[in-house]
Amino acid sequence: MAVWFLRGIRRGVVTTRYPAEAEPSARLLPTPPAFDPRRLTGALVDALVGACPSGALTRDGAFLVLDIGACSACGRCIAAARGAARQSGRFELAATQRVHLVKRIPIAGDQR
């Protein structure tokens, strides 16, 4: 094993091209949701909050609050959203401050 490791380093062999290129298998990972504010209504947001097992979704007045740090990417909110949510496709979610993981999405569907 050590011989293979040293030979690989000497020849520049790598098993992945990340981060220079996107990792192909990353598209198969479950990712947190992305919401369409225009399709969110108060009733739908209340249903989404109730469907979230991790407590990552809450409602603050006219906003849906998504705590990406608490989201387990289970997909229950996407199934319950009736087209108002999709997988974000973002799996690199590191942040230097916790507050950067909390997103406030306006509930704009009630304003039509």
PDB file of N, CA and C in Angstrom:
ATOM      1  N   MET A   1       0.827  -1.187   0.000  1.00  0.00           N
ATOM      2  CA  MET A   1       0.000   0.000   0.000  1.00  0.00           C
ATOM      3  C   MET A   1       0.870   1.248   0.000  1.00  0.00           C
ATOM      4  N   ALA A   2       1.913   1.281   0.836  1.00  0.00           N
ATOM      5  CA  ALA A   2       2.781   2.455   0.904  1.00  0.00           C
ATOM      6  C   ALA A   2       3.498   2.679  -0.421  1.00  0.00           C
ATOM      7  N   VAL A   3       3.879   1.580  -1.098  1.00  0.00           N
ATOM      8  CA  VAL A   3       4.568   1.713  -2.382  1.00  0.00           C
ATOM      9  C   VAL A   3       3.630   2.334  -3.415  1.00  0.00           C
ATOM     10  N   TRP A   4       2.374   1.859  -3.465  1.00  0.00           N
ATOM     11  CA  TRP A   4       1.393   2.408  -4.394  1.00  0.00           C
ATOM     12  C   TRP A   4       1.166   3.889  -4.108  1.00  0.00           C
ATOM     13  N   PHE A   5       1.046   4.243  -2.833  1.00  0.00           N
ATOM     14  CA  PHE A   5       0.817   5.633  -2.428  1.00  0.00           C
ATOM     15  C   PHE A   5       1.962   6.524  -2.907  1.00  0.00           C
ATOM     16  N   LEU A   6       3.177   6.116  -2.653  1.00  0.00           N
ATOM     17  CA  LEU A   6       4.333   6.917  -3.070  1.00  0.00           C
ATOM     18  C   LEU A   6       4.427   7.012  -4.591  1.00  0.00           C
ATOM     19  N   ARG A   7       4.165   5.912  -5.282  1.00  0.00           N
ATOM     20  CA  ARG A   7       4.200   5.931  -6.731  1.00  0.00           C
ATOM     21  C   ARG A   7       3.119   6.871  -7.276  1.00  0.00           C
ATOM     22  N   GLY A   8       1.942   6.852  -6.685  1.00  0.00           N
ATOM     23  CA  GLY A   8       0.856   7.736  -7.117  1.00  0.00           C
ATOM     24  C   GLY A   8       1.199   9.196  -6.915  1.00  0.00           C
ATOM     25  N   ILE A   9       1.808   9.515  -5.794  1.00  0.00           N
ATOM     26  CA  ILE A   9       2.205  10.901  -5.534  1.00  0.00           C
ATOM     27  C   ILE A   9       3.279  11.342  -6.534  1.00  0.00           C
ATOM     28  N   ARG A  10       4.214  10.475  -6.790  1.00  0.00           N
ATOM     29  CA  ARG A  10       5.290  10.808  -7.714  1.00  0.00           C
ATOM     30  C   ARG A  10       4.765  11.047  -9.124  1.00  0.00           C
ATOM     31  N   ARG A  11       3.782  10.264  -9.545  1.00  0.00           N
ATOM     32  CA  ARG A  11       3.229  10.395 -10.895  1.00  0.00           C
ATOM     33  C   ARG A  11       2.083  11.405 -10.974  1.00  0.00           C
ATOM     34  N   GLY A  12       1.625  11.884  -9.854  1.00  0.00           N
ATOM     35  CA  GLY A  12       0.528  12.852  -9.860  1.00  0.00           C
ATOM     36  C   GLY A  12      -0.840  12.223 -10.067  1.00  0.00           C
ATOM     37  N   VAL A  13      -0.997  10.969  -9.697  1.00  0.00           N
ATOM     38  CA  VAL A  13      -2.273  10.283  -9.862  1.00  0.00           C
ATOM     39  C   VAL A  13      -3.245  10.770  -8.793  1.00  0.00           C
ATOM     40  N   VAL A  14      -4.429  11.137  -9.241  1.00  0.00           N
ATOM     41  CA  VAL A  14      -5.470  11.549  -8.302  1.00  0.00           C
ATOM     42  C   VAL A  14      -6.734  10.744  -8.597  1.00  0.00           C
ATOM     43  N   THR A  15      -7.559  10.578  -7.594  1.00  0.00           N
ATOM     44  CA  THR A  15      -8.786   9.805  -7.787  1.00  0.00           C
ATOM     45  C   THR A  15      -9.972  10.684  -8.134  1.00  0.00           C
ATOM     46  N   THR A  16      -9.815  11.977  -7.987  1.00  0.00           N
ATOM     47  CA  THR A  16     -10.904  12.895  -8.325  1.00  0.00           C
ATOM     48  C   THR A  16     -10.305  14.196  -8.835  1.00  0.00           C
ATOM     49  N   ARG A  17     -11.031  14.910  -9.623  1.00  0.00           N
ATOM     50  CA  ARG A  17     -10.574  16.190 -10.166  1.00  0.00           C
ATOM     51  C   ARG A  17     -11.103  17.372  -9.341  1.00  0.00           C
ATOM     52  N   TYR A  18     -11.854  17.087  -8.284  1.00  0.00           N
ATOM     53  CA  TYR A  18     -12.427  18.126  -7.445  1.00  0.00           C
ATOM     54  C   TYR A  18     -11.328  18.861  -6.701  1.00  0.00           C
ATOM     55  N   PRO A  19     -11.343  20.150  -6.546  1.00  0.00           N
ATOM     56  CA  PRO A  19     -12.379  21.122  -6.880  1.00  0.00           C
ATOM     57  C   PRO A  19     -12.232  21.764  -8.249  1.00  0.00           C
ATOM     58  N   ALA A  20     -11.229  21.373  -9.027  1.00  0.00           N
ATOM     59  CA  ALA A  20     -11.065  21.973 -10.348  1.00  0.00           C
ATOM     60  C   ALA A  20     -12.249  21.655 -11.259  1.00  0.00           C
ATOM     61  N   GLU A  21     -12.827  20.490 -11.119  1.00  0.00           N
ATOM     62  CA  GLU A  21     -13.997  20.081 -11.893  1.00  0.00           C
ATOM     63  C   GLU A  21     -15.042  19.552 -10.925  1.00  0.00           C
ATOM     64  N   ALA A  22     -16.291  19.689 -11.297  1.00  0.00           N
ATOM     65  CA  ALA A  22     -17.367  19.165 -10.457  1.00  0.00           C
ATOM     66  C   ALA A  22     -17.287  17.646 -10.400  1.00  0.00           C
ATOM     67  N   GLU A  23     -17.515  17.102  -9.240  1.00  0.00           N
ATOM     68  CA  GLU A  23     -17.503  15.652  -9.067  1.00  0.00           C
ATOM     69  C   GLU A  23     -18.805  15.103  -9.666  1.00  0.00           C
ATOM     70  N   PRO A  24     -18.738  14.198 -10.645  1.00  0.00           N
ATOM     71  CA  PRO A  24     -19.953  13.698 -11.294  1.00  0.00           C
ATOM     72  C   PRO A  24     -20.950  13.056 -10.329  1.00  0.00           C
ATOM     73  N   SER A  25     -20.469  12.381  -9.314  1.00  0.00           N
ATOM     74  CA  SER A  25     -21.384  11.713  -8.395  1.00  0.00           C
ATOM     75  C   SER A  25     -22.119  12.695  -7.487  1.00  0.00           C
ATOM     76  N   ALA A  26     -21.691  13.963  -7.439  1.00  0.00           N
ATOM     77  CA  ALA A  26     -22.324  14.949  -6.572  1.00  0.00           C
ATOM     78  C   ALA A  26     -23.766  15.206  -6.976  1.00  0.00           C
ATOM     79  N   ARG A  27     -24.109  15.024  -8.250  1.00  0.00           N
ATOM     80  CA  ARG A  27     -25.489  15.261  -8.675  1.00  0.00           C
ATOM     81  C   ARG A  27     -26.461  14.249  -8.093  1.00  0.00           C
ATOM     82  N   LEU A  28     -25.942  13.177  -7.551  1.00  0.00           N
ATOM     83  CA  LEU A  28     -26.788  12.154  -6.940  1.00  0.00           C
ATOM     84  C   LEU A  28     -27.039  12.400  -5.453  1.00  0.00           C
ATOM     85  N   LEU A  29     -26.342  13.371  -4.870  1.00  0.00           N
ATOM     86  CA  LEU A  29     -26.491  13.650  -3.446  1.00  0.00           C
ATOM     87  C   LEU A  29     -27.800  14.385  -3.164  1.00  0.00           C
ATOM     88  N   PRO A  30     -28.471  14.040  -2.070  1.00  0.00           N
ATOM     89  CA  PRO A  30     -29.629  14.852  -1.683  1.00  0.00           C
ATOM     90  C   PRO A  30     -29.134  16.208  -1.176  1.00  0.00           C
ATOM     91  N   THR A  31     -29.830  17.259  -1.568  1.00  0.00           N
ATOM     92  CA  THR A  31     -29.414  18.603  -1.177  1.00  0.00           C
ATOM     93  C   THR A  31     -30.588  19.337  -0.544  1.00  0.00           C
ATOM     94  N   PRO A  32     -30.315  20.377   0.225  1.00  0.00           N
ATOM     95  CA  PRO A  32     -31.389  21.158   0.837  1.00  0.00           C
ATOM     96  C   PRO A  32     -32.299  21.773  -0.231  1.00  0.00           C
ATOM     97  N   PRO A  33     -33.496  22.166   0.148  1.00  0.00           N
ATOM     98  CA  PRO A  33     -34.441  22.697  -0.830  1.00  0.00           C
ATOM     99  C   PRO A  33     -34.145  24.131  -1.233  1.00  0.00           C
ATOM    100  N   ALA A  34     -34.659  24.495  -2.392  1.00  0.00           N
ATOM    101  CA  ALA A  34     -34.700  25.879  -2.857  1.00  0.00           C
ATOM    102  C   ALA A  34     -36.171  26.174  -3.108  1.00  0.00           C
ATOM    103  N   PHE A  35     -36.653  27.289  -2.589  1.00  0.00           N
ATOM    104  CA  PHE A  35     -38.072  27.626  -2.670  1.00  0.00           C
ATOM    105  C   PHE A  35     -38.314  28.760  -3.654  1.00  0.00           C
ATOM    106  N   ASP A  36     -39.456  28.715  -4.325  1.00  0.00           N
ATOM    107  CA  ASP A  36     -39.906  29.776  -5.218  1.00  0.00           C
ATOM    108  C   ASP A  36     -40.853  30.668  -4.420  1.00  0.00           C
ATOM    109  N   PRO A  37     -40.423  31.865  -4.026  1.00  0.00           N
ATOM    110  CA  PRO A  37     -41.257  32.724  -3.176  1.00  0.00           C
ATOM    111  C   PRO A  37     -42.617  33.040  -3.779  1.00  0.00           C
ATOM    112  N   ARG A  38     -42.696  33.124  -5.114  1.00  0.00           N
ATOM    113  CA  ARG A  38     -43.965  33.464  -5.774  1.00  0.00           C
ATOM    114  C   ARG A  38     -45.022  32.380  -5.609  1.00  0.00           C
ATOM    115  N   ARG A  39     -44.590  31.166  -5.329  1.00  0.00           N
ATOM    116  CA  ARG A  39     -45.540  30.058  -5.192  1.00  0.00           C
ATOM    117  C   ARG A  39     -45.831  29.712  -3.736  1.00  0.00           C
ATOM    118  N   LEU A  40     -45.176  30.407  -2.810  1.00  0.00           N
ATOM    119  CA  LEU A  40     -45.397  30.142  -1.390  1.00  0.00           C
ATOM    120  C   LEU A  40     -46.579  30.958  -0.875  1.00  0.00           C
ATOM    121  N   THR A  41     -47.513  30.268  -0.242  1.00  0.00           N
ATOM    122  CA  THR A  41     -48.623  30.927   0.432  1.00  0.00           C
ATOM    123  C   THR A  41     -48.498  30.646   1.924  1.00  0.00           C
ATOM    124  N   GLY A  42     -49.224  31.394   2.722  1.00  0.00           N
ATOM    125  CA  GLY A  42     -49.171  31.183   4.161  1.00  0.00           C
ATOM    126  C   GLY A  42     -49.585  29.776   4.551  1.00  0.00           C
ATOM    127  N   ALA A  43     -50.653  29.273   3.922  1.00  0.00           N
ATOM    128  CA  ALA A  43     -51.125  27.918   4.231  1.00  0.00           C
ATOM    129  C   ALA A  43     -50.099  26.868   3.827  1.00  0.00           C
ATOM    130  N   LEU A  44     -49.480  27.064   2.672  1.00  0.00           N
ATOM    131  CA  LEU A  44     -48.464  26.111   2.218  1.00  0.00           C
ATOM    132  C   LEU A  44     -47.253  26.138   3.138  1.00  0.00           C
ATOM    133  N   VAL A  45     -46.825  27.317   3.553  1.00  0.00           N
ATOM    134  CA  VAL A  45     -45.675  27.437   4.458  1.00  0.00           C
ATOM    135  C   VAL A  45     -45.964  26.734   5.782  1.00  0.00           C
ATOM    136  N   ASP A  46     -47.174  26.896   6.302  1.00  0.00           N
ATOM    137  CA  ASP A  46     -47.536  26.201   7.545  1.00  0.00           C
ATOM    138  C   ASP A  46     -47.473  24.689   7.368  1.00  0.00           C
ATOM    139  N   ALA A  47     -47.909  24.198   6.199  1.00  0.00           N
ATOM    140  CA  ALA A  47     -47.832  22.765   5.914  1.00  0.00           C
ATOM    141  C   ALA A  47     -46.377  22.305   5.810  1.00  0.00           C
ATOM    142  N   LEU A  48     -45.524  23.120   5.197  1.00  0.00           N
ATOM    143  CA  LEU A  48     -44.108  22.770   5.057  1.00  0.00           C
ATOM    144  C   LEU A  48     -43.419  22.714   6.411  1.00  0.00           C
ATOM    145  N   VAL A  49     -43.738  23.680   7.264  1.00  0.00           N
ATOM    146  CA  VAL A  49     -43.156  23.701   8.615  1.00  0.00           C
ATOM    147  C   VAL A  49     -43.560  22.435   9.368  1.00  0.00           C
ATOM    148  N   GLY A  50     -44.813  22.026   9.211  1.00  0.00           N
ATOM    149  CA  GLY A  50     -45.288  20.810   9.868  1.00  0.00           C
ATOM    150  C   GLY A  50     -44.672  19.540   9.311  1.00  0.00           C
ATOM    151  N   ALA A  51     -44.279  19.567   8.039  1.00  0.00           N
ATOM    152  CA  ALA A  51     -43.706  18.376   7.403  1.00  0.00           C
ATOM    153  C   ALA A  51     -42.227  18.192   7.707  1.00  0.00           C
ATOM    154  N   CYS A  52     -41.554  19.221   8.191  1.00  0.00           N
ATOM    155  CA  CYS A  52     -40.099  19.167   8.393  1.00  0.00           C
ATOM    156  C   CYS A  52     -39.771  18.452   9.709  1.00  0.00           C
ATOM    157  N   PRO A  53     -39.153  17.264   9.643  1.00  0.00           N
ATOM    158  CA  PRO A  53     -38.852  16.524  10.870  1.00  0.00           C
ATOM    159  C   PRO A  53     -37.667  17.088  11.659  1.00  0.00           C
ATOM    160  N   SER A  54     -36.808  17.875  11.015  1.00  0.00           N
ATOM    161  CA  SER A  54     -35.615  18.365  11.699  1.00  0.00           C
ATOM    162  C   SER A  54     -35.789  19.764  12.286  1.00  0.00           C
ATOM    163  N   GLY A  55     -36.922  20.398  12.026  1.00  0.00           N
ATOM    164  CA  GLY A  55     -37.146  21.748  12.530  1.00  0.00           C
ATOM    165  C   GLY A  55     -36.363  22.811  11.772  1.00  0.00           C
ATOM    166  N   ALA A  56     -35.927  22.480  10.567  1.00  0.00           N
ATOM    167  CA  ALA A  56     -35.152  23.425   9.766  1.00  0.00           C
ATOM    168  C   ALA A  56     -36.031  24.511   9.161  1.00  0.00           C
ATOM    169  N   LEU A  57     -37.331  24.261   9.072  1.00  0.00           N
ATOM    170  CA  LEU A  57     -38.259  25.244   8.522  1.00  0.00           C
ATOM    171  C   LEU A  57     -39.110  25.831   9.636  1.00  0.00           C
ATOM    172  N   THR A  58     -39.183  27.145   9.680  1.00  0.00           N
ATOM    173  CA  THR A  58     -40.062  27.852  10.609  1.00  0.00           C
ATOM    174  C   THR A  58     -40.677  29.017   9.850  1.00  0.00           C
ATOM    175  N   ARG A  59     -41.694  29.594  10.454  1.00  0.00           N
ATOM    176  CA  ARG A  59     -42.332  30.759   9.851  1.00  0.00           C
ATOM    177  C   ARG A  59     -42.140  31.953  10.766  1.00  0.00           C
ATOM    178  N   ASP A  60     -41.755  33.069  10.160  1.00  0.00           N
ATOM    179  CA  ASP A  60     -41.590  34.322  10.895  1.00  0.00           C
ATOM    180  C   ASP A  60     -42.399  35.380  10.160  1.00  0.00           C
ATOM    181  N   GLY A  61     -43.664  35.511  10.517  1.00  0.00           N
ATOM    182  CA  GLY A  61     -44.546  36.478   9.860  1.00  0.00           C
ATOM    183  C   GLY A  61     -44.713  36.171   8.391  1.00  0.00           C
ATOM    184  N   ALA A  62     -44.230  37.054   7.540  1.00  0.00           N
ATOM    185  CA  ALA A  62     -44.373  36.903   6.091  1.00  0.00           C
ATOM    186  C   ALA A  62     -43.146  36.246   5.462  1.00  0.00           C
ATOM    187  N   PHE A  63     -42.380  35.499   6.258  1.00  0.00           N
ATOM    188  CA  PHE A  63     -41.182  34.831   5.753  1.00  0.00           C
ATOM    189  C   PHE A  63     -41.165  33.368   6.151  1.00  0.00           C
ATOM    190  N   LEU A  64     -40.687  32.530   5.228  1.00  0.00           N
ATOM    191  CA  LEU A  64     -40.331  31.153   5.539  1.00  0.00           C
ATOM    192  C   LEU A  64     -38.853  31.193   5.883  1.00  0.00           C
ATOM    193  N   VAL A  65     -38.490  30.662   7.042  1.00  0.00           N
ATOM    194  CA  VAL A  65     -37.095  30.675   7.481  1.00  0.00           C
ATOM    195  C   VAL A  65     -36.541  29.256   7.324  1.00  0.00           C
ATOM    196  N   LEU A  66     -35.490  29.140   6.527  1.00  0.00           N
ATOM    197  CA  LEU A  66     -34.833  27.863   6.275  1.00  0.00           C
ATOM    198  C   LEU A  66     -33.466  27.884   6.940  1.00  0.00           C
ATOM    199  N   ASP A  67     -33.263  26.990   7.894  1.00  0.00           N
ATOM    200  CA  ASP A  67     -31.972  26.838   8.556  1.00  0.00           C
ATOM    201  C   ASP A  67     -31.256  25.671   7.884  1.00  0.00           C
ATOM    202  N   ILE A  68     -30.388  25.996   6.950  1.00  0.00           N
ATOM    203  CA  ILE A  68     -29.701  24.971   6.174  1.00  0.00           C
ATOM    204  C   ILE A  68     -28.820  24.100   7.063  1.00  0.00           C
ATOM    205  N   GLY A  69     -28.318  24.657   8.147  1.00  0.00           N
ATOM    206  CA  GLY A  69     -27.486  23.891   9.072  1.00  0.00           C
ATOM    207  C   GLY A  69     -28.259  22.796   9.784  1.00  0.00           C
ATOM    208  N   ALA A  70     -29.566  22.950   9.907  1.00  0.00           N
ATOM    209  CA  ALA A  70     -30.395  21.941  10.558  1.00  0.00           C
ATOM    210  C   ALA A  70     -31.067  21.009   9.557  1.00  0.00           C
ATOM    211  N   CYS A  71     -31.050  21.368   8.287  1.00  0.00           N
ATOM    212  CA  CYS A  71     -31.739  20.589   7.255  1.00  0.00           C
ATOM    213  C   CYS A  71     -31.020  19.260   7.019  1.00  0.00           C
ATOM    214  N   SER A  72     -31.782  18.181   6.983  1.00  0.00           N
ATOM    215  CA  SER A  72     -31.211  16.864   6.716  1.00  0.00           C
ATOM    216  C   SER A  72     -31.402  16.451   5.257  1.00  0.00           C
ATOM    217  N   ALA A  73     -31.972  17.330   4.433  1.00  0.00           N
ATOM    218  CA  ALA A  73     -32.207  17.067   3.011  1.00  0.00           C
ATOM    219  C   ALA A  73     -33.047  15.810   2.802  1.00  0.00           C
ATOM    220  N   CYS A  74     -34.042  15.623   3.662  1.00  0.00           N
ATOM    221  CA  CYS A  74     -34.877  14.428   3.576  1.00  0.00           C
ATOM    222  C   CYS A  74     -35.846  14.480   2.401  1.00  0.00           C
ATOM    223  N   GLY A  75     -36.202  15.682   1.927  1.00  0.00           N
ATOM    224  CA  GLY A  75     -37.081  15.825   0.781  1.00  0.00           C
ATOM    225  C   GLY A  75     -38.555  15.887   1.108  1.00  0.00           C
ATOM    226  N   ARG A  76     -38.929  15.818   2.379  1.00  0.00           N
ATOM    227  CA  ARG A  76     -40.349  15.864   2.733  1.00  0.00           C
ATOM    228  C   ARG A  76     -40.979  17.200   2.374  1.00  0.00           C
ATOM    229  N   CYS A  77     -40.247  18.282   2.534  1.00  0.00           N
ATOM    230  CA  CYS A  77     -40.799  19.597   2.182  1.00  0.00           C
ATOM    231  C   CYS A  77     -40.980  19.706   0.671  1.00  0.00           C
ATOM    232  N   ILE A  78     -40.087  19.126  -0.092  1.00  0.00           N
ATOM    233  CA  ILE A  78     -40.202  19.174  -1.553  1.00  0.00           C
ATOM    234  C   ILE A  78     -41.435  18.395  -1.995  1.00  0.00           C
ATOM    235  N   ALA A  79     -41.678  17.254  -1.364  1.00  0.00           N
ATOM    236  CA  ALA A  79     -42.862  16.460  -1.699  1.00  0.00           C
ATOM    237  C   ALA A  79     -44.140  17.185  -1.317  1.00  0.00           C
ATOM    238  N   ALA A  80     -44.113  17.934  -0.217  1.00  0.00           N
ATOM    239  CA  ALA A  80     -45.314  18.625   0.260  1.00  0.00           C
ATOM    240  C   ALA A  80     -45.503  19.996  -0.385  1.00  0.00           C
ATOM    241  N   ALA A  81     -44.528  20.490  -1.113  1.00  0.00           N
ATOM    242  CA  ALA A  81     -44.559  21.873  -1.599  1.00  0.00           C
ATOM    243  C   ALA A  81     -45.392  22.094  -2.849  1.00  0.00           C
ATOM    244  N   ARG A  82     -45.861  21.053  -3.466  1.00  0.00           N
ATOM    245  CA  ARG A  82     -46.704  21.182  -4.663  1.00  0.00           C
ATOM    246  C   ARG A  82     -46.064  22.088  -5.724  1.00  0.00           C
ATOM    247  N   GLY A  83     -44.799  21.857  -5.995  1.00  0.00           N
ATOM    248  CA  GLY A  83     -44.099  22.595  -7.043  1.00  0.00           C
ATOM    249  C   GLY A  83     -43.442  23.883  -6.601  1.00  0.00           C
ATOM    250  N   ALA A  84     -43.565  24.257  -5.338  1.00  0.00           N
ATOM    251  CA  ALA A  84     -42.960  25.500  -4.854  1.00  0.00           C
ATOM    252  C   ALA A  84     -41.530  25.294  -4.372  1.00  0.00           C
ATOM    253  N   ALA A  85     -41.044  24.056  -4.410  1.00  0.00           N
ATOM    254  CA  ALA A  85     -39.683  23.767  -3.950  1.00  0.00           C
ATOM    255  C   ALA A  85     -39.051  22.708  -4.838  1.00  0.00           C
ATOM    256  N   ARG A  86     -37.751  22.745  -4.891  1.00  0.00           N
ATOM    257  CA  ARG A  86     -36.971  21.743  -5.623  1.00  0.00           C
ATOM    258  C   ARG A  86     -35.661  21.558  -4.880  1.00  0.00           C
ATOM    259  N   GLN A  87     -34.917  20.533  -5.226  1.00  0.00           N
ATOM    260  CA  GLN A  87     -33.593  20.382  -4.631  1.00  0.00           C
ATOM    261  C   GLN A  87     -32.701  21.499  -5.154  1.00  0.00           C
ATOM    262  N   SER A  88     -31.926  22.084  -4.287  1.00  0.00           N
ATOM    263  CA  SER A  88     -31.077  23.211  -4.678  1.00  0.00           C
ATOM    264  C   SER A  88     -29.892  22.785  -5.532  1.00  0.00           C
ATOM    265  N   GLY A  89     -29.442  21.552  -5.363  1.00  0.00           N
ATOM    266  CA  GLY A  89     -28.259  21.094  -6.079  1.00  0.00           C
ATOM    267  C   GLY A  89     -26.968  21.545  -5.424  1.00  0.00           C
ATOM    268  N   ARG A  90     -27.067  22.277  -4.339  1.00  0.00           N
ATOM    269  CA  ARG A  90     -25.883  22.776  -3.635  1.00  0.00           C
ATOM    270  C   ARG A  90     -25.582  21.869  -2.448  1.00  0.00           C
ATOM    271  N   PHE A  91     -24.411  21.290  -2.451  1.00  0.00           N
ATOM    272  CA  PHE A  91     -24.025  20.430  -1.339  1.00  0.00           C
ATOM    273  C   PHE A  91     -22.838  20.991  -0.571  1.00  0.00           C
ATOM    274  N   GLU A  92     -22.206  22.024  -1.095  1.00  0.00           N
ATOM    275  CA  GLU A  92     -21.107  22.679  -0.388  1.00  0.00           C
ATOM    276  C   GLU A  92     -21.707  23.829   0.412  1.00  0.00           C
ATOM    277  N   LEU A  93     -21.947  23.603   1.675  1.00  0.00           N
ATOM    278  CA  LEU A  93     -22.699  24.557   2.475  1.00  0.00           C
ATOM    279  C   LEU A  93     -21.933  25.075   3.684  1.00  0.00           C
ATOM    280  N   ALA A  94     -20.629  25.052   3.619  1.00  0.00           N
ATOM    281  CA  ALA A  94     -19.840  25.535   4.748  1.00  0.00           C
ATOM    282  C   ALA A  94     -19.984  27.046   4.881  1.00  0.00           C
ATOM    283  N   ALA A  95     -19.956  27.524   6.108  1.00  0.00           N
ATOM    284  CA  ALA A  95     -20.031  28.953   6.381  1.00  0.00           C
ATOM    285  C   ALA A  95     -19.148  29.268   7.584  1.00  0.00           C
ATOM    286  N   THR A  96     -18.658  30.472   7.634  1.00  0.00           N
ATOM    287  CA  THR A  96     -17.816  30.856   8.759  1.00  0.00           C
ATOM    288  C   THR A  96     -18.644  31.330   9.941  1.00  0.00           C
ATOM    289  N   GLN A  97     -19.893  31.721   9.684  1.00  0.00           N
ATOM    290  CA  GLN A  97     -20.784  32.151  10.753  1.00  0.00           C
ATOM    291  C   GLN A  97     -22.120  31.443  10.601  1.00  0.00           C
ATOM    292  N   ARG A  98     -22.668  31.013  11.716  1.00  0.00           N
ATOM    293  CA  ARG A  98     -23.931  30.262  11.719  1.00  0.00           C
ATOM    294  C   ARG A  98     -25.064  31.031  11.047  1.00  0.00           C
ATOM    295  N   VAL A  99     -25.085  32.338  11.215  1.00  0.00           N
ATOM    296  CA  VAL A  99     -26.158  33.162  10.663  1.00  0.00           C
ATOM    297  C   VAL A  99     -26.212  33.084   9.129  1.00  0.00           C
ATOM    298  N   HIS A 100     -25.105  32.758   8.473  1.00  0.00           N
ATOM    299  CA  HIS A 100     -25.081  32.644   7.017  1.00  0.00           C
ATOM    300  C   HIS A 100     -25.790  31.394   6.515  1.00  0.00           C
ATOM    301  N   LEU A 101     -26.124  30.473   7.404  1.00  0.00           N
ATOM    302  CA  LEU A 101     -26.847  29.266   7.022  1.00  0.00           C
ATOM    303  C   LEU A 101     -28.360  29.425   7.148  1.00  0.00           C
ATOM    304  N   VAL A 102     -28.807  30.567   7.618  1.00  0.00           N
ATOM    305  CA  VAL A 102     -30.242  30.810   7.804  1.00  0.00           C
ATOM    306  C   VAL A 102     -30.733  31.722   6.687  1.00  0.00           C
ATOM    307  N   LYS A 103     -31.707  31.222   5.906  1.00  0.00           N
ATOM    308  CA  LYS A 103     -32.253  31.961   4.772  1.00  0.00           C
ATOM    309  C   LYS A 103     -33.694  32.369   5.075  1.00  0.00           C
ATOM    310  N   ARG A 104     -34.025  33.616   4.779  1.00  0.00           N
ATOM    311  CA  ARG A 104     -35.384  34.135   4.946  1.00  0.00           C
ATOM    312  C   ARG A 104     -35.989  34.295   3.561  1.00  0.00           C
ATOM    313  N   ILE A 105     -37.026  33.504   3.282  1.00  0.00           N
ATOM    314  CA  ILE A 105     -37.662  33.502   1.973  1.00  0.00           C
ATOM    315  C   ILE A 105     -39.024  34.173   2.102  1.00  0.00           C
ATOM    316  N   PRO A 106     -39.271  35.250   1.355  1.00  0.00           N
ATOM    317  CA  PRO A 106     -40.560  35.928   1.465  1.00  0.00           C
ATOM    318  C   PRO A 106     -41.710  35.058   0.966  1.00  0.00           C
ATOM    319  N   ILE A 107     -42.835  35.160   1.626  1.00  0.00           N
ATOM    320  CA  ILE A 107     -44.047  34.443   1.212  1.00  0.00           C
ATOM    321  C   ILE A 107     -44.795  35.390   0.269  1.00  0.00           C
ATOM    322  N   ALA A 108     -44.559  35.250  -1.025  1.00  0.00           N
ATOM    323  CA  ALA A 108     -45.105  36.193  -2.007  1.00  0.00           C
ATOM    324  C   ALA A 108     -46.353  35.677  -2.700  1.00  0.00           C
ATOM    325  N   GLY A 109     -46.708  34.419  -2.498  1.00  0.00           N
ATOM    326  CA  GLY A 109     -47.878  33.856  -3.176  1.00  0.00           C
ATOM    327  C   GLY A 109     -49.193  34.423  -2.688  1.00  0.00           C
ATOM    328  N   ASP A 110     -49.234  34.958  -1.476  1.00  0.00           N
ATOM    329  CA  ASP A 110     -50.462  35.543  -0.928  1.00  0.00           C
ATOM    330  C   ASP A 110     -50.725  36.935  -1.481  1.00  0.00           C
ATOM    331  N   GLN A 111     -49.745  37.531  -2.144  1.00  0.00           N
ATOM    332  CA  GLN A 111     -49.869  38.910  -2.602  1.00  0.00           C
ATOM    333  C   GLN A 111     -50.456  39.028  -4.004  1.00  0.00           C
ATOM    334  N   ARG A 112     -50.845  37.940  -4.568  1.00  0.00           N
ATOM    335  CA  ARG A 112     -51.400  37.951  -5.932  1.00  0.00           C
ATOM    336  C   ARG A 112     -52.813  38.440  -5.942  1.00  0.00           C
TER     337      ARG A 112
END
